[in-house]
C-alpha atoms as a PDB file:
ATOM      1  CA  UNK A   1      10.524  24.872  10.207  1.00  0.00           C
ATOM      2  CA  UNK A   2      11.957  23.166   7.136  1.00  0.00           C
ATOM      3  CA  UNK A   3      13.602  26.428   6.087  1.00  0.00           C
ATOM      4  CA  UNK A   4      15.339  26.723   9.474  1.00  0.00           C
ATOM      5  CA  UNK A   5      16.625  23.143   9.147  1.00  0.00           C
ATOM      6  CA  UNK A   6      17.994  23.967   5.705  1.00  0.00           C
ATOM      7  CA  UNK A   7      19.813  27.063   6.969  1.00  0.00           C
ATOM      8  CA  UNK A   8      21.276  24.969   9.810  1.00  0.00           C
ATOM      9  CA  UNK A   9      22.442  22.400   7.228  1.00  0.00           C
ATOM     10  CA  UNK A  10      24.060  25.223   5.260  1.00  0.00           C
ATOM     11  CA  UNK A  11      25.822  26.711   8.288  1.00  0.00           C
ATOM     12  CA  UNK A  12      26.988  23.321   9.613  1.00  0.00           C
ATOM     13  CA  UNK A  13      28.172  21.859   6.290  1.00  0.00           C
ATOM     14  CA  UNK A  14      31.820  20.813   6.479  1.00  0.00           C
ATOM     15  CA  UNK A  15      34.459  19.390   4.161  1.00  0.00           C
ATOM     16  CA  UNK A  16      37.626  17.460   4.836  1.00  0.00           C
ATOM     17  CA  UNK A  17      40.411  19.912   5.696  1.00  0.00           C
ATOM     18  CA  UNK A  18      43.404  17.977   7.040  1.00  0.00           C
ATOM     19  CA  UNK A  19      45.918  19.714   9.258  1.00  0.00           C
ATOM     20  CA  UNK A  20      49.285  18.493  10.504  1.00  0.00           C
ATOM     21  CA  UNK A  21      47.988  17.216  13.857  1.00  0.00           C
ATOM     22  CA  UNK A  22      44.639  15.844  12.601  1.00  0.00           C
ATOM     23  CA  UNK A  23      44.364  14.307   9.108  1.00  0.00           C
ATOM     24  CA  UNK A  24      40.583  13.861   9.525  1.00  0.00           C
ATOM     25  CA  UNK A  25      39.925  17.504  10.476  1.00  0.00           C
ATOM     26  CA  UNK A  26      36.782  19.024   8.920  1.00  0.00           C
ATOM     27  CA  UNK A  27      36.064  22.725   8.395  1.00  0.00           C
ATOM     28  CA  UNK A  28      32.937  24.664   7.388  1.00  0.00           C
ATOM     29  CA  UNK A  29      32.954  25.155   3.634  1.00  0.00           C
ATOM     30  CA  UNK A  30      29.705  26.934   2.733  1.00  0.00           C
ATOM     31  CA  UNK A  31      30.578  30.562   2.143  1.00  0.00           C
ATOM     32  CA  UNK A  32      28.143  32.851   0.397  1.00  0.00           C
ATOM     33  CA  UNK A  33      30.851  34.346  -1.817  1.00  0.00           C
ATOM     34  CA  UNK A  34      31.901  31.052  -3.435  1.00  0.00           C
ATOM     35  CA  UNK A  35      29.347  28.239  -3.266  1.00  0.00           C
ATOM     36  CA  UNK A  36      30.186  24.703  -4.279  1.00  0.00           C
ATOM     37  CA  UNK A  37      27.493  22.454  -5.776  1.00  0.00           C
ATOM     38  CA  UNK A  38      26.443  20.915  -2.431  1.00  0.00           C
ATOM     39  CA  UNK A  39      26.138  24.272  -0.677  1.00  0.00           C
ATOM     40  CA  UNK A  40      24.219  25.752  -3.621  1.00  0.00           C
ATOM     41  CA  UNK A  41      21.735  22.843  -3.457  1.00  0.00           C
ATOM     42  CA  UNK A  42      21.232  23.400   0.293  1.00  0.00           C
ATOM     43  CA  UNK A  43      20.731  27.144  -0.230  1.00  0.00           C
ATOM     44  CA  UNK A  44      18.256  26.544  -3.064  1.00  0.00           C
ATOM     45  CA  UNK A  45      16.292  24.067  -0.910  1.00  0.00           C
ATOM     46  CA  UNK A  46      16.154  26.695   1.859  1.00  0.00           C
ATOM     47  CA  UNK A  47      14.900  29.348  -0.569  1.00  0.00           C
ATOM     48  CA  UNK A  48      12.173  27.018  -1.904  1.00  0.00           C
ATOM     49  CA  UNK A  49      11.046  26.074   1.618  1.00  0.00           C
ATOM     50  CA  UNK A  50      10.943  29.733   2.677  1.00  0.00           C
ATOM     51  CA  UNK A  51       8.930  30.716  -0.400  1.00  0.00           C
ATOM     52  CA  UNK A  52       6.442  27.879   0.161  1.00  0.00           C
ATOM     53  CA  UNK A  53       6.012  28.953   3.788  1.00  0.00           C
ATOM     54  CA  UNK A  54       5.318  32.545   2.734  1.00  0.00           C
ATOM     55  CA  UNK A  55       2.809  31.377   0.114  1.00  0.00           C
ATOM     56  CA  UNK A  56       1.120  29.164   2.711  1.00  0.00           C
ATOM     57  CA  UNK A  57       0.772  31.972   5.244  1.00  0.00           C
ATOM     58  CA  UNK A  58      -0.553  34.415   2.650  1.00  0.00           C
ATOM     59  CA  UNK A  59      -2.992  31.800   1.355  1.00  0.00           C
ATOM     60  CA  UNK A  60      -4.227  31.073   4.872  1.00  0.00           C
ATOM     61  CA  UNK A  61      -4.836  34.794   5.436  1.00  0.00           C
ATOM     62  CA  UNK A  62      -6.753  35.100   2.179  1.00  0.00           C
ATOM     63  CA  UNK A  63      -8.905  32.077   3.029  1.00  0.00           C
ATOM     64  CA  UNK A  64      -9.584  33.403   6.537  1.00  0.00           C
ATOM     65  CA  UNK A  65     -10.623  36.820   5.208  1.00  0.00           C
ATOM     66  CA  UNK A  66     -12.829  35.242   2.535  1.00  0.00           C
ATOM     67  CA  UNK A  67     -14.436  33.009   5.138  1.00  0.00           C
ATOM     68  CA  UNK A  68     -15.190  35.971   7.381  1.00  0.00           C
ATOM     69  CA  UNK A  69     -16.725  37.959   4.491  1.00  0.00           C
ATOM     70  CA  UNK A  70     -18.871  35.014   3.427  1.00  0.00           C
ATOM     71  CA  UNK A  71     -19.987  34.362   6.986  1.00  0.00           C
ATOM     72  CA  UNK A  72     -21.058  37.982   7.515  1.00  0.00           C
ATOM     73  CA  UNK A  73     -22.782  38.243   4.142  1.00  0.00           C
ATOM     74  CA  UNK A  74     -24.602  34.933   4.708  1.00  0.00           C
ATOM     75  CA  UNK A  75     -25.907  36.207   8.055  1.00  0.00           C
ATOM     76  CA  UNK A  76     -27.191  39.383   6.399  1.00  0.00           C
ATOM     77  CA  UNK A  77     -28.844  37.424   3.625  1.00  0.00           C
ATOM     78  CA  UNK A  78     -30.512  35.042   6.097  1.00  0.00           C
ATOM     79  CA  UNK A  79     -31.884  37.999   8.068  1.00  0.00           C
ATOM     80  CA  UNK A  80     -33.473  39.530   4.945  1.00  0.00           C
ATOM     81  CA  UNK A  81     -35.558  36.443   4.085  1.00  0.00           C
ATOM     82  CA  UNK A  82     -39.029  35.761   5.313  1.00  0.00           C
ATOM     83  CA  UNK A  83     -39.084  32.908   7.833  1.00  0.00           C
ATOM     84  CA  UNK A  84     -41.190  30.483   5.746  1.00  0.00           C
ATOM     85  CA  UNK A  85     -39.410  30.821   2.398  1.00  0.00           C
ATOM     86  CA  UNK A  86     -36.528  28.655   1.341  1.00  0.00           C
ATOM     87  CA  UNK A  87     -33.904  29.749  -1.110  1.00  0.00           C
ATOM     88  CA  UNK A  88     -31.529  27.531  -3.060  1.00  0.00           C
ATOM     89  CA  UNK A  89     -28.356  26.892  -1.065  1.00  0.00           C
ATOM     90  CA  UNK A  90     -24.902  25.904  -2.228  1.00  0.00           C
ATOM     91  CA  UNK A  91     -22.502  24.339   0.273  1.00  0.00           C
ATOM     92  CA  UNK A  92     -18.906  23.335  -0.454  1.00  0.00           C
ATOM     93  CA  UNK A  93     -16.415  21.576   1.804  1.00  0.00           C
ATOM     94  CA  UNK A  94     -12.932  20.078   1.423  1.00  0.00           C
ATOM     95  CA  UNK A  95     -12.599  16.344   0.881  1.00  0.00           C
ATOM     96  CA  UNK A  96     -10.478  14.858   3.682  1.00  0.00           C
ATOM     97  CA  UNK A  97      -8.082  13.091   3.586  1.00  0.00           C
ATOM     98  CA  UNK A  98      -6.828  14.147   0.223  1.00  0.00           C
ATOM     99  CA  UNK A  99      -7.170  17.066  -2.092  1.00  0.00           C
ATOM    100  CA  UNK A 100     -10.394  18.296  -3.555  1.00  0.00           C
ATOM    101  CA  UNK A 101     -13.697  19.948  -2.854  1.00  0.00           C
ATOM    102  CA  UNK A 102     -17.232  18.590  -2.795  1.00  0.00           C
ATOM    103  CA  UNK A 103     -20.310  20.790  -3.261  1.00  0.00           C
ATOM    104  CA  UNK A 104     -24.042  20.299  -2.700  1.00  0.00           C
ATOM    105  CA  UNK A 105     -26.897  22.386  -4.056  1.00  0.00           C
ATOM    106  CA  UNK A 106     -30.201  22.254  -2.123  1.00  0.00           C
ATOM    107  CA  UNK A 107     -33.516  23.712  -3.331  1.00  0.00           C
END
Protein backbone atom coordinates (compact mmCIF):
# COMPACT_ATOMS: atom_id res chain seq x y z
CA UNK A 1 0.00 0.00 0.00
CA UNK A 2 2.81 2.41 0.85
CA UNK A 3 4.58 1.49 -2.39
CA UNK A 4 1.46 2.35 -4.42
CA UNK A 5 1.22 5.73 -2.66
CA UNK A 6 4.85 6.40 -3.51
CA UNK A 7 4.34 5.58 -7.19
CA UNK A 8 1.29 7.88 -7.21
CA UNK A 9 3.44 10.64 -5.66
CA UNK A 10 6.02 10.05 -8.39
CA UNK A 11 3.47 10.15 -11.22
CA UNK A 12 1.65 13.21 -9.83
CA UNK A 13 4.73 15.28 -8.95
CA UNK A 14 4.65 18.66 -10.68
CA UNK A 15 6.87 21.71 -10.99
CA UNK A 16 6.11 25.30 -11.87
CA UNK A 17 5.95 25.64 -15.66
CA UNK A 18 4.52 29.06 -16.54
CA UNK A 19 2.88 29.60 -19.90
CA UNK A 20 1.71 32.82 -21.52
CA UNK A 21 -1.92 32.50 -20.38
CA UNK A 22 -1.22 31.04 -16.91
CA UNK A 23 1.90 32.10 -14.96
CA UNK A 24 1.10 29.59 -12.18
CA UNK A 25 0.79 26.59 -14.52
CA UNK A 26 2.33 23.36 -13.20
CA UNK A 27 3.47 20.37 -15.27
CA UNK A 28 4.56 16.83 -14.36
CA UNK A 29 8.33 16.76 -14.01
CA UNK A 30 9.27 13.22 -12.93
CA UNK A 31 10.60 11.46 -16.00
CA UNK A 32 12.53 8.24 -15.66
CA UNK A 33 15.20 9.37 -18.13
CA UNK A 34 16.26 12.47 -16.17
CA UNK A 35 15.36 12.48 -12.47
CA UNK A 36 15.77 15.54 -10.31
CA UNK A 37 16.60 15.17 -6.60
CA UNK A 38 12.95 15.22 -5.44
CA UNK A 39 11.83 12.61 -7.97
CA UNK A 40 14.83 10.40 -7.18
CA UNK A 41 13.93 10.52 -3.46
CA UNK A 42 10.32 9.53 -4.24
CA UNK A 43 11.48 6.67 -6.48
CA UNK A 44 13.94 5.44 -3.85
CA UNK A 45 11.21 5.52 -1.17
CA UNK A 46 8.97 3.47 -3.49
CA UNK A 47 11.74 0.91 -4.08
CA UNK A 48 12.39 0.56 -0.32
CA UNK A 49 8.68 0.14 0.43
CA UNK A 50 8.31 -2.47 -2.32
CA UNK A 51 11.34 -4.41 -1.08
CA UNK A 52 10.06 -4.37 2.52
CA UNK A 53 6.67 -5.65 1.34
CA UNK A 54 8.31 -8.51 -0.56
CA UNK A 55 10.46 -9.40 2.46
CA UNK A 56 7.36 -9.32 4.68
CA UNK A 57 5.37 -11.64 2.42
CA UNK A 58 8.26 -14.09 2.06
CA UNK A 59 8.84 -14.04 5.82
CA UNK A 60 5.16 -14.69 6.49
CA UNK A 61 5.25 -17.68 4.13
CA UNK A 62 8.34 -19.08 5.82
CA UNK A 63 6.77 -18.69 9.27
CA UNK A 64 3.52 -20.31 8.10
CA UNK A 65 5.37 -23.29 6.61
CA UNK A 66 7.52 -23.68 9.73
CA UNK A 67 4.42 -23.53 11.91
CA UNK A 68 2.71 -26.22 9.87
CA UNK A 69 5.78 -28.50 10.03
CA UNK A 70 6.10 -28.03 13.78
CA UNK A 71 2.41 -28.65 14.32
CA UNK A 72 2.47 -31.91 12.35
CA UNK A 73 5.68 -33.13 13.96
CA UNK A 74 4.37 -32.28 17.45
CA UNK A 75 1.22 -34.32 16.77
CA UNK A 76 3.32 -37.29 15.68
CA UNK A 77 5.54 -37.01 18.72
CA UNK A 78 2.54 -36.79 21.07
CA UNK A 79 1.04 -39.93 19.50
CA UNK A 80 4.26 -41.92 20.07
CA UNK A 81 4.36 -41.32 23.84
CA UNK A 82 2.74 -43.50 26.43
CA UNK A 83 -0.26 -41.78 28.02
CA UNK A 84 1.16 -41.56 31.57
CA UNK A 85 4.65 -40.26 30.78
CA UNK A 86 5.52 -36.61 30.59
CA UNK A 87 8.34 -35.26 28.52
CA UNK A 88 10.03 -31.88 28.88
CA UNK A 89 8.22 -29.25 26.83
CA UNK A 90 9.46 -25.96 25.44
CA UNK A 91 6.92 -23.31 24.47
CA UNK A 92 7.74 -19.94 22.91
CA UNK A 93 5.41 -17.06 22.06
CA UNK A 94 5.79 -13.47 20.87
CA UNK A 95 5.66 -10.67 23.42
CA UNK A 96 2.81 -8.29 22.52
CA UNK A 97 2.78 -5.33 22.20
CA UNK A 98 6.37 -4.90 21.24
CA UNK A 99 9.15 -6.96 19.83
CA UNK A 100 10.54 -10.07 21.39
CA UNK A 101 9.89 -13.66 22.29
CA UNK A 102 9.29 -15.35 25.63
CA UNK A 103 9.90 -19.07 26.21
CA UNK A 104 8.96 -21.52 28.96
CA UNK A 105 10.44 -24.94 29.65
CA UNK A 106 8.25 -27.41 31.59
CA UNK A 107 9.43 -30.76 33.00
